[in-house]
Amino acid sequence: MKKKIAIFMALLLVLTCCHIPVHATEVSEEASTEHPETTEYPDDPTRAPDLVSNAAIVMDAASGQVLYEKNSQEKKYPASITKILTVLIALEHNVDFNATVTMSENAIWGVERDSTLIGLDVGEQVTVKDLVYATMVKSANECAYALAEYVAGDIESFAKLMNERAAEIGCQNTHFVTPNGLHDDDHYTTAYDMALITKEALKNETFREIAGTLNYTVPATNLADETRFLWNGNKMINPAEPYYYEYCEGGKTGYTSKANNTLMTYAKKDGLELICVVLDCDGAKYAYSDSKALYNYCYNNYIYYYPLSDFSFESDEENAISENVILDNYYTSLNHDMIDLAVNKDYALLLNKSVDTTQIERNVTFYDQAKDDVLGEITFSYGGEQIGSTPITSTTPLLSSQMSKEEKLGQSTSIWKTIGKIALRIAIVMGALLAVLLLYMLFAAFIRNMKRNRRRRAYRRRRRKRDDDYYF
């Protein structure tokens, strides 16, 4: 028996050492167990980095111009960066930060217990401010759920608000089901759409403040004596973290097993504010290294150019002005010597540093009809393609009422018709008044004549009576 056991153990040892597979598998020569890394090219800063993330985008926060993209229109699961829109909707509904919210059964037990939470319980009371900050700073899933219930009553109604707002912003490949981003097959977005949502959110100063908060304290509640100290999960804004990026001002992290790591951040350097979104990244540290590499690439290669800093209407734009119908009508009809045309001299084009700005063409166009205070536009083109435009405006009174010659003629005719109608009505009224006055005068004369005749007859009767008395 001992001999059989020894033989069996020997065979088992041989098989283990030899790593004999049960099913043979063909292995590619290119296959490697080494995880890909974010790769930058410091010797060639014009070369975009190689990313670990399967989808990414960098967008100018001011104009929406895209500086970099990788599979930016491909549908992905967003995980907790969903909460960007959740908080934005709450802020746009002017929620009262001091209002008290009682945690519901659904808010506590309607989320996965092994997901990110701050440990609230059913019946526990916190403020709306606590919910908002815990949602963004700590990414607390039960807080996002409770915030959605507070705003819309239930999750389904809040999801409807989310999808409607996303559509208004311009998202075309986004559909949200939950306010916290916990996985649902029908809960998806794209890097481009998330950048658009972030661009909209950054217009809200309160959102900026919350998204850039490093830590927050939830005070003691009716069910908990201790305070809850929360740290922001975005390591790019924490100077104590190895992934700190000095120009990063805020952001939101996300993770689920189906979504992988997701990250939205925004940064500002030399007046240029950029939004970076990475999706489907295998590893949180790579989401940070991808984002930092993209910021380095964009800040090394893009710059603001101000094409109207020395612009003047008194130079090469004189011909355009002299041929313009609006201005011609204005000068002719109102006899003005000059007009206050204006452009935004701070208008900026975000250009790659390789662009030869001396080759940018400028074209001044005036409209045939003013549109409110806009008279025309200046367009810019490079290499035959339009790269930007800005309006020409004026604050001159009555300028917006100046029309084309044909419209002015029609308007003039209409005015005279109106004046004629008014004059006719005045003549009719005056005639009626004169007729009434004449009738009144005739009636008054008739009354006076009747009274005079009555007095005469009375006088004659008295005179006759005296004469009769005298001769009697």
Protein backbone atom coordinates (compact mmCIF):
# COMPACT_ATOMS: atom_id res chain seq x y z
CA MET A 1 0.00 0.00 0.00
CA LYS A 2 2.81 2.36 0.95
CA LYS A 3 4.55 1.50 -2.34
CA LYS A 4 1.44 2.48 -4.37
CA ILE A 5 1.14 5.77 -2.52
CA ALA A 6 4.78 6.55 -3.16
CA ILE A 7 4.40 5.85 -6.90
CA PHE A 8 1.27 8.10 -7.06
CA MET A 9 3.04 10.96 -5.28
CA ALA A 10 6.01 10.65 -7.61
CA LEU A 11 3.79 10.83 -10.71
CA LEU A 12 1.94 13.85 -9.29
CA LEU A 13 5.24 15.62 -8.64
CA VAL A 14 6.40 14.96 -12.20
CA LEU A 15 3.17 16.31 -13.70
CA THR A 16 3.33 19.43 -11.52
CA CYS A 17 6.91 20.18 -12.42
CA CYS A 18 6.34 19.66 -16.11
CA HIS A 19 3.24 21.97 -16.24
CA ILE A 20 1.48 19.61 -18.66
CA PRO A 21 -1.79 21.35 -19.72
CA VAL A 22 -5.04 19.47 -19.85
CA HIS A 23 -6.05 21.36 -23.05
CA ALA A 24 -3.40 22.70 -25.37
CA THR A 25 -3.68 26.42 -26.23
CA GLU A 26 -1.92 28.22 -29.07
CA VAL A 27 0.05 31.18 -27.71
CA SER A 28 0.91 34.11 -29.98
CA GLU A 29 4.54 35.18 -30.14
CA GLU A 30 3.40 38.74 -29.34
CA ALA A 31 1.50 37.74 -26.22
CA SER A 32 2.98 38.95 -22.95
CA THR A 33 2.00 38.84 -19.29
CA GLU A 34 3.47 42.34 -18.81
CA HIS A 35 0.78 44.99 -18.33
CA PRO A 36 0.92 47.86 -20.83
CA GLU A 37 2.02 51.18 -19.40
CA THR A 38 1.21 54.77 -20.25
CA THR A 39 3.93 55.88 -22.64
CA GLU A 40 4.99 59.47 -23.22
CA TYR A 41 7.55 60.69 -25.71
CA PRO A 42 9.55 63.50 -24.10
CA ASP A 43 12.02 63.52 -27.01
CA ASP A 44 9.12 64.13 -29.39
CA PRO A 45 6.50 66.21 -27.53
CA THR A 46 4.37 66.47 -30.68
CA ARG A 47 3.70 62.73 -30.50
CA ALA A 48 0.57 61.78 -28.57
CA PRO A 49 1.06 59.36 -25.69
CA ASP A 50 0.14 55.69 -25.83
CA LEU A 51 -2.68 55.05 -23.37
CA VAL A 52 -3.85 52.12 -21.33
CA SER A 53 -7.41 53.47 -21.40
CA ASN A 54 -9.53 52.16 -24.24
CA ALA A 55 -11.36 55.47 -24.69
CA ALA A 56 -10.29 59.02 -23.91
CA ILE A 57 -10.76 62.65 -24.86
CA VAL A 58 -9.34 66.09 -24.07
CA MET A 59 -11.68 69.03 -24.66
CA ASP A 60 -11.27 72.79 -24.30
CA ALA A 61 -13.60 73.75 -21.44
CA ALA A 62 -14.40 77.12 -23.02
CA SER A 63 -15.13 76.27 -26.66
CA GLY A 64 -15.67 72.51 -26.66
CA GLN A 65 -12.86 72.09 -29.18
CA VAL A 66 -11.42 68.57 -29.10
CA LEU A 67 -7.63 68.44 -28.78
CA TYR A 68 -7.24 64.67 -28.48
CA GLU A 69 -9.51 61.68 -28.77
CA LYS A 70 -9.33 57.91 -28.73
CA ASN A 71 -12.52 55.98 -29.37
CA SER A 72 -14.34 59.00 -27.97
CA GLN A 73 -17.69 58.05 -29.54
CA GLU A 74 -17.57 54.42 -28.42
CA LYS A 75 -20.17 53.47 -25.82
CA LYS A 76 -18.70 52.59 -22.43
CA TYR A 77 -19.90 52.14 -18.86
CA PRO A 78 -19.17 55.32 -16.87
CA ALA A 79 -19.30 53.91 -13.32
CA SER A 80 -19.25 56.68 -10.67
CA ILE A 81 -18.44 59.60 -12.96
CA THR A 82 -22.20 59.35 -13.54
CA LYS A 83 -22.43 61.37 -10.33
CA ILE A 84 -21.23 64.48 -12.16
CA LEU A 85 -24.64 64.77 -13.79
CA THR A 86 -26.44 63.69 -10.61
CA VAL A 87 -24.92 66.57 -8.64
CA LEU A 88 -25.37 69.04 -11.50
CA ILE A 89 -29.11 68.28 -11.71
CA ALA A 90 -29.47 68.71 -7.94
CA LEU A 91 -27.72 72.08 -8.10
CA GLU A 92 -29.83 73.19 -11.07
CA HIS A 93 -32.94 72.35 -9.04
CA ASN A 94 -31.75 74.85 -6.42
CA VAL A 95 -31.79 72.30 -3.61
CA ASP A 96 -31.67 73.73 -0.09
CA PHE A 97 -28.30 72.68 1.35
CA ASN A 98 -29.67 73.09 4.87
CA ALA A 99 -32.70 70.84 4.34
CA THR A 100 -32.77 67.57 6.28
CA VAL A 101 -33.13 64.25 4.47
CA THR A 102 -34.10 60.99 6.18
CA MET A 103 -32.41 57.99 4.58
CA SER A 104 -34.99 55.65 3.09
CA GLU A 105 -35.02 51.87 2.98
CA ASN A 106 -34.36 51.97 -0.77
CA ALA A 107 -31.44 54.37 -0.44
CA ILE A 108 -29.71 52.07 2.04
CA TRP A 109 -30.58 48.64 0.69
CA GLY A 110 -31.05 49.56 -2.96
CA VAL A 111 -27.29 49.75 -3.49
CA GLU A 112 -24.66 47.01 -3.39
CA ARG A 113 -23.31 46.60 0.13
CA ASP A 114 -19.74 46.08 -1.06
CA SER A 115 -19.76 49.31 -3.09
CA THR A 116 -18.50 52.69 -1.89
CA LEU A 117 -20.60 53.93 1.06
CA ILE A 118 -20.22 56.18 4.10
CA GLY A 119 -22.18 53.82 6.37
CA LEU A 120 -25.52 55.60 6.72
CA ASP A 121 -28.51 53.65 8.03
CA VAL A 122 -32.26 53.62 7.44
CA GLY A 123 -33.84 56.56 9.27
CA GLU A 124 -30.56 58.43 9.65
CA GLN A 125 -30.88 62.15 9.04
CA VAL A 126 -28.33 64.22 7.14
CA THR A 127 -28.43 67.51 5.27
CA VAL A 128 -28.67 67.91 1.52
CA LYS A 129 -25.21 69.47 1.64
CA ASP A 130 -23.87 66.28 3.27
CA LEU A 131 -25.43 64.20 0.50
CA VAL A 132 -24.01 66.39 -2.29
CA TYR A 133 -20.48 66.48 -0.90
CA ALA A 134 -20.45 62.78 0.04
CA THR A 135 -21.63 61.95 -3.49
CA MET A 136 -18.80 63.84 -5.18
CA VAL A 137 -15.99 63.70 -2.62
CA LYS A 138 -16.35 60.13 -1.32
CA SER A 139 -18.48 58.78 -4.21
CA ALA A 140 -20.99 57.44 -1.68
CA ASN A 141 -23.59 55.42 -3.55
CA GLU A 142 -26.33 55.57 -0.90
CA CYS A 143 -25.96 59.36 -0.81
CA ALA A 144 -26.38 59.66 -4.58
CA TYR A 145 -29.48 57.46 -4.31
CA ALA A 146 -30.95 59.61 -1.50
CA LEU A 147 -30.13 62.82 -3.40
CA ALA A 148 -32.00 61.50 -6.44
CA GLU A 149 -35.02 60.63 -4.28
CA TYR A 150 -34.95 64.09 -2.71
CA VAL A 151 -34.92 65.84 -6.11
CA ALA A 152 -37.33 63.65 -8.11
CA GLY A 153 -39.14 61.38 -5.66
CA ASP A 154 -37.80 58.10 -7.01
CA ILE A 155 -34.95 56.71 -9.08
CA GLU A 156 -36.95 56.24 -12.27
CA SER A 157 -38.09 59.86 -12.30
CA PHE A 158 -34.56 61.07 -11.62
CA ALA A 159 -33.17 58.92 -14.44
CA LYS A 160 -35.66 60.61 -16.76
CA LEU A 161 -34.31 63.99 -15.64
CA MET A 162 -30.78 62.79 -16.27
CA ASN A 163 -31.50 61.62 -19.80
CA GLU A 164 -33.45 64.76 -20.67
CA ARG A 165 -30.65 66.98 -19.38
CA ALA A 166 -28.00 64.95 -21.19
CA ALA A 167 -29.93 65.37 -24.45
CA GLU A 168 -30.18 69.13 -23.87
CA ILE A 169 -26.43 69.29 -23.40
CA GLY A 170 -25.91 67.53 -26.72
CA CYS A 171 -25.20 63.94 -25.71
CA GLN A 172 -26.21 61.51 -28.46
CA ASN A 173 -24.82 58.21 -27.19
CA THR A 174 -25.73 58.36 -23.52
CA HIS A 175 -28.41 56.64 -21.46
CA PHE A 176 -28.51 56.65 -17.66
CA VAL A 177 -30.46 54.32 -15.38
CA THR A 178 -28.98 54.97 -11.93
CA PRO A 179 -27.82 58.16 -10.19
CA ASN A 180 -24.67 56.53 -8.83
CA GLY A 181 -23.33 54.58 -11.81
CA LEU A 182 -23.61 51.10 -10.32
CA HIS A 183 -23.68 48.70 -13.22
CA ASP A 184 -26.66 48.29 -15.51
CA ASP A 185 -26.32 47.05 -19.08
CA ASP A 186 -28.49 49.96 -20.24
CA HIS A 187 -26.42 52.56 -18.38
CA TYR A 188 -23.76 53.85 -20.77
CA THR A 189 -22.10 56.93 -22.23
CA THR A 190 -19.06 57.97 -24.29
CA ALA A 191 -15.92 59.91 -23.50
CA TYR A 192 -17.18 62.73 -25.74
CA ASP A 193 -20.59 62.91 -24.04
CA MET A 194 -19.02 62.88 -20.57
CA ALA A 195 -16.77 65.76 -21.62
CA LEU A 196 -19.84 67.70 -22.78
CA ILE A 197 -21.58 67.02 -19.45
CA THR A 198 -18.49 68.19 -17.56
CA LYS A 199 -18.23 71.32 -19.74
CA GLU A 200 -21.80 72.17 -18.76
CA ALA A 201 -21.18 71.39 -15.09
CA LEU A 202 -18.13 73.68 -14.97
CA LYS A 203 -20.39 76.63 -15.75
CA ASN A 204 -21.76 76.16 -12.21
CA GLU A 205 -19.40 77.67 -9.65
CA THR A 206 -20.85 75.57 -6.82
CA PHE A 207 -20.10 72.42 -8.78
CA ARG A 208 -16.51 73.58 -9.27
CA GLU A 209 -16.15 74.12 -5.55
CA ILE A 210 -17.52 70.66 -4.70
CA ALA A 211 -15.53 68.80 -7.37
CA GLY A 212 -12.33 70.45 -6.16
CA THR A 213 -12.89 69.79 -2.44
CA LEU A 214 -10.08 67.70 -0.96
CA ASN A 215 -11.94 66.60 2.18
CA TYR A 216 -15.30 67.01 3.87
CA THR A 217 -16.71 66.20 7.31
CA VAL A 218 -20.19 64.81 7.84
CA PRO A 219 -21.18 65.78 11.40
CA ALA A 220 -22.82 63.49 13.96
CA THR A 221 -26.39 62.50 13.19
CA ASN A 222 -29.43 61.24 15.06
CA LEU A 223 -28.08 57.69 14.74
CA ALA A 224 -24.32 58.21 14.84
CA ASP A 225 -22.34 60.07 17.50
CA GLU A 226 -19.09 60.17 15.56
CA THR A 227 -18.27 62.43 12.63
CA ARG A 228 -17.43 60.98 9.24
CA PHE A 229 -14.25 62.39 7.70
CA LEU A 230 -14.23 62.01 3.91
CA TRP A 231 -11.26 62.32 1.54
CA ASN A 232 -11.60 62.96 -2.18
CA GLY A 233 -10.89 59.84 -4.23
CA ASN A 234 -9.29 61.93 -6.99
CA LYS A 235 -5.58 61.63 -6.23
CA MET A 236 -4.61 64.21 -8.86
CA ILE A 237 -5.68 67.08 -6.56
CA ASN A 238 -3.99 65.75 -3.40
CA PRO A 239 -0.39 67.04 -3.01
CA ALA A 240 0.39 64.08 -0.73
CA GLU A 241 -0.33 61.55 -3.47
CA PRO A 242 2.17 60.29 -6.09
CA TYR A 243 -0.40 61.01 -8.83
CA TYR A 244 -0.75 64.68 -7.89
CA TYR A 245 -0.87 67.06 -10.87
CA GLU A 246 -0.33 70.69 -9.92
CA TYR A 247 -2.65 72.11 -12.59
CA CYS A 248 -5.57 69.80 -11.82
CA GLU A 249 -8.44 71.65 -10.14
CA GLY A 250 -11.00 68.88 -9.65
CA GLY A 251 -12.60 65.76 -10.98
CA LYS A 252 -14.41 62.49 -10.28
CA THR A 253 -13.25 58.89 -10.17
CA GLY A 254 -15.19 55.73 -10.98
CA TYR A 255 -14.88 51.97 -10.98
CA THR A 256 -16.93 48.82 -11.45
CA SER A 257 -15.76 45.44 -12.64
CA LYS A 258 -17.67 45.93 -15.91
CA ALA A 259 -16.65 49.53 -16.48
CA ASN A 260 -13.03 49.22 -15.30
CA ASN A 261 -11.56 52.48 -14.04
CA THR A 262 -13.01 55.76 -15.26
CA LEU A 263 -11.82 59.28 -14.49
CA MET A 264 -12.89 62.83 -15.27
CA THR A 265 -10.54 65.68 -14.38
CA TYR A 266 -10.16 69.30 -15.38
CA ALA A 267 -7.00 71.38 -15.27
CA LYS A 268 -5.94 74.94 -16.03
CA LYS A 269 -2.54 76.22 -17.14
CA ASP A 270 -1.65 79.59 -18.68
CA GLY A 271 -5.33 80.47 -19.00
CA LEU A 272 -6.15 77.28 -20.94
CA GLU A 273 -8.68 75.07 -19.14
CA LEU A 274 -8.97 71.49 -20.35
CA ILE A 275 -11.33 68.61 -19.57
CA CYS A 276 -9.91 65.09 -19.68
CA VAL A 277 -12.05 61.94 -19.61
CA VAL A 278 -10.68 58.40 -19.68
CA LEU A 279 -12.90 55.31 -19.78
CA ASP A 280 -12.40 51.56 -19.61
CA CYS A 281 -8.94 51.72 -18.08
CA ASP A 282 -7.45 48.58 -16.54
CA GLY A 283 -6.03 50.00 -13.34
CA ALA A 284 -6.60 53.19 -11.36
CA LYS A 285 -2.95 54.24 -11.52
CA TYR A 286 -3.10 54.07 -15.32
CA ALA A 287 -6.18 56.29 -15.37
CA TYR A 288 -4.04 58.89 -13.57
CA SER A 289 -0.93 58.37 -15.69
CA ASP A 290 -3.03 58.49 -18.89
CA SER A 291 -4.66 61.74 -17.80
CA LYS A 292 -1.38 63.37 -16.81
CA ALA A 293 0.24 62.29 -20.08
CA LEU A 294 -2.65 63.77 -22.05
CA TYR A 295 -2.40 67.06 -20.17
CA ASN A 296 1.34 67.22 -20.82
CA TYR A 297 0.80 66.51 -24.50
CA CYS A 298 -1.93 69.13 -24.93
CA TYR A 299 -0.22 71.87 -22.94
CA ASN A 300 3.00 71.24 -24.88
CA ASN A 301 1.29 71.45 -28.24
CA TYR A 302 -1.62 73.90 -27.98
CA ILE A 303 -1.78 77.60 -27.30
CA TYR A 304 -4.28 80.46 -27.48
CA TYR A 305 -3.86 82.85 -30.40
CA TYR A 306 -5.65 86.22 -30.34
CA PRO A 307 -6.28 87.19 -33.98
CA LEU A 308 -8.11 90.46 -33.22
CA SER A 309 -5.75 91.97 -30.67
CA ASP A 310 -4.70 94.70 -33.16
CA PHE A 311 -7.88 94.73 -35.27
CA SER A 312 -9.31 98.03 -36.53
CA PHE A 313 -12.26 98.83 -38.77
CA GLU A 314 -10.34 101.80 -40.11
CA SER A 315 -7.81 99.67 -41.95
CA ASP A 316 -8.42 97.01 -44.56
CA GLU A 317 -12.10 96.68 -43.59
CA GLU A 318 -13.10 100.07 -45.06
CA ASN A 319 -14.28 98.59 -48.36
CA ALA A 320 -16.50 96.07 -46.58
CA ILE A 321 -18.10 98.86 -44.59
CA SER A 322 -18.68 101.16 -47.56
CA GLU A 323 -20.43 98.38 -49.49
CA ASN A 324 -22.67 97.32 -46.63
CA VAL A 325 -26.42 97.84 -47.03
CA ILE A 326 -27.16 98.23 -43.32
CA LEU A 327 -24.53 100.87 -42.77
CA ASP A 328 -25.38 102.64 -46.03
CA ASN A 329 -29.03 102.88 -44.98
CA TYR A 330 -28.00 103.99 -41.53
CA TYR A 331 -25.79 106.81 -42.73
CA THR A 332 -28.30 107.89 -45.40
CA SER A 333 -31.41 107.88 -43.25
CA LEU A 334 -29.95 109.23 -40.00
CA ASN A 335 -27.08 111.26 -41.45
CA HIS A 336 -24.44 109.84 -39.10
CA ASP A 337 -20.75 110.38 -39.73
CA MET A 338 -19.63 107.30 -37.79
CA ILE A 339 -20.96 104.24 -36.01
CA ASP A 340 -19.70 102.21 -33.04
CA LEU A 341 -18.79 98.88 -34.61
CA ALA A 342 -17.22 96.47 -32.12
CA VAL A 343 -15.56 93.06 -31.98
CA ASN A 344 -14.26 91.01 -29.07
CA LYS A 345 -10.53 91.68 -29.15
CA ASP A 346 -10.06 88.96 -26.54
CA TYR A 347 -11.46 86.36 -28.93
CA ALA A 348 -9.05 83.41 -28.98
CA LEU A 349 -8.33 80.53 -31.32
CA LEU A 350 -6.92 77.39 -29.72
CA LEU A 351 -4.22 76.30 -32.16
CA ASN A 352 -1.54 73.69 -32.40
CA LYS A 353 1.82 75.39 -31.96
CA SER A 354 2.83 74.11 -35.38
CA VAL A 355 0.27 76.39 -37.09
CA ASP A 356 1.81 79.34 -38.95
CA THR A 357 -0.42 82.15 -37.68
CA THR A 358 0.71 84.45 -40.52
CA GLN A 359 -1.18 82.14 -42.90
CA ILE A 360 -4.50 82.52 -41.09
CA GLU A 361 -6.93 84.36 -43.36
CA ARG A 362 -9.48 86.80 -41.98
CA ASN A 363 -12.75 87.64 -43.73
CA VAL A 364 -15.14 90.40 -42.66
CA THR A 365 -18.80 89.90 -43.63
CA PHE A 366 -21.74 92.21 -42.95
CA TYR A 367 -25.31 90.96 -43.05
CA ASP A 368 -28.01 92.50 -45.25
CA GLN A 369 -30.14 92.90 -42.15
CA ALA A 370 -29.12 93.49 -38.55
CA LYS A 371 -29.97 90.75 -36.06
CA ASP A 372 -30.52 92.49 -32.73
CA ASP A 373 -27.13 94.08 -32.11
CA VAL A 374 -25.21 91.77 -34.48
CA LEU A 375 -24.28 93.27 -37.84
CA GLY A 376 -22.02 90.59 -39.23
CA GLU A 377 -19.13 88.30 -38.42
CA ILE A 378 -15.42 87.81 -38.85
CA THR A 379 -14.36 84.32 -39.92
CA PHE A 380 -10.91 82.80 -39.81
CA SER A 381 -9.59 80.07 -42.08
CA TYR A 382 -6.36 78.11 -42.36
CA GLY A 383 -5.43 75.90 -45.26
CA GLY A 384 -8.82 76.51 -46.84
CA GLU A 385 -10.80 75.36 -43.76
CA GLN A 386 -12.70 77.63 -41.39
CA ILE A 387 -11.24 77.44 -37.89
CA GLY A 388 -13.30 80.05 -36.06
CA SER A 389 -15.69 83.01 -36.16
CA THR A 390 -16.80 85.89 -33.97
CA PRO A 391 -19.66 88.42 -34.36
CA ILE A 392 -19.47 92.10 -35.26
CA THR A 393 -21.74 94.04 -32.91
CA SER A 394 -22.91 97.60 -32.26
CA THR A 395 -24.63 99.43 -29.43
CA THR A 396 -25.69 102.34 -31.63
CA PRO A 397 -29.37 103.16 -30.83
CA LEU A 398 -31.91 102.13 -33.45
CA LEU A 399 -29.27 100.32 -35.49
CA SER A 400 -31.05 97.01 -35.17
CA SER A 401 -34.11 98.56 -36.85
CA GLN A 402 -32.19 99.35 -40.04
CA MET A 403 -33.37 97.14 -42.88
CA SER A 404 -32.60 96.53 -46.51
CA LYS A 405 -33.67 99.21 -48.99
CA GLU A 406 -36.64 97.19 -50.17
CA GLU A 407 -37.81 96.61 -46.61
CA LYS A 408 -37.29 100.28 -45.74
CA LEU A 409 -39.44 101.29 -48.75
CA GLY A 410 -42.14 98.88 -47.71
CA GLN A 411 -41.91 100.08 -44.14
CA SER A 412 -42.11 103.74 -45.29
CA THR A 413 -45.24 103.04 -47.35
CA SER A 414 -46.77 101.24 -44.41
CA ILE A 415 -46.02 104.19 -42.14
CA TRP A 416 -47.73 106.68 -44.50
CA LYS A 417 -50.76 104.42 -44.74
CA THR A 418 -50.93 104.31 -40.99
CA ILE A 419 -50.56 108.09 -40.75
CA GLY A 420 -53.37 108.51 -43.31
CA LYS A 421 -55.67 106.23 -41.34
CA ILE A 422 -54.93 108.12 -38.14
CA ALA A 423 -55.55 111.48 -39.83
CA LEU A 424 -58.89 110.27 -41.23
CA ARG A 425 -59.96 109.07 -37.80
CA ILE A 426 -58.98 112.41 -36.25
CA ALA A 427 -60.97 114.29 -38.96
CA ILE A 428 -64.03 112.13 -38.30
CA VAL A 429 -63.80 112.69 -34.56
CA MET A 430 -63.28 116.44 -35.00
CA GLY A 431 -66.26 116.61 -37.42
CA ALA A 432 -68.41 114.76 -34.92
CA LEU A 433 -67.36 117.12 -32.14
CA LEU A 434 -68.12 120.17 -34.32
CA ALA A 435 -71.52 118.74 -35.21
CA VAL A 436 -72.32 118.17 -31.53
CA LEU A 437 -71.15 121.70 -30.71
CA LEU A 438 -73.31 123.17 -33.50
CA LEU A 439 -76.35 121.22 -32.34
CA TYR A 440 -75.71 122.39 -28.81
CA MET A 441 -75.48 126.03 -29.95
CA LEU A 442 -78.68 125.72 -32.01
CA PHE A 443 -80.48 124.10 -29.10
CA ALA A 444 -79.25 126.81 -26.72
CA ALA A 445 -80.41 129.56 -29.14
CA PHE A 446 -83.80 127.86 -29.45
CA ILE A 447 -84.17 127.73 -25.66
CA ARG A 448 -83.15 131.39 -25.33
CA ASN A 449 -85.64 132.39 -28.04
CA MET A 450 -88.44 130.46 -26.31
CA LYS A 451 -87.67 132.17 -23.01
CA ARG A 452 -87.58 135.60 -24.69
CA ASN A 453 -90.96 135.01 -26.42
CA ARG A 454 -92.40 133.79 -23.11
CA ARG A 455 -91.26 136.99 -21.38
CA ARG A 456 -92.69 139.14 -24.21
CA ARG A 457 -96.08 137.47 -23.99
CA ALA A 458 -96.12 137.87 -20.26
CA TYR A 459 -95.23 141.53 -20.62
CA ARG A 460 -98.02 142.11 -23.15
CA ARG A 461 -100.56 140.46 -20.82
CA ARG A 462 -99.54 142.67 -17.92
CA ARG A 463 -99.63 145.78 -20.14
CA ARG A 464 -103.06 144.97 -21.46
CA LYS A 465 -104.34 144.43 -17.95
CA ARG A 466 -103.02 147.85 -16.81
CA ASP A 467 -104.65 149.53 -19.81
CA ASP A 468 -107.99 147.87 -19.05
CA ASP A 469 -107.76 148.95 -15.42
CA TYR A 470 -106.98 152.54 -16.43
CA TYR A 471 -109.93 153.00 -18.77
CA PHE A 472 -112.33 151.29 -16.48
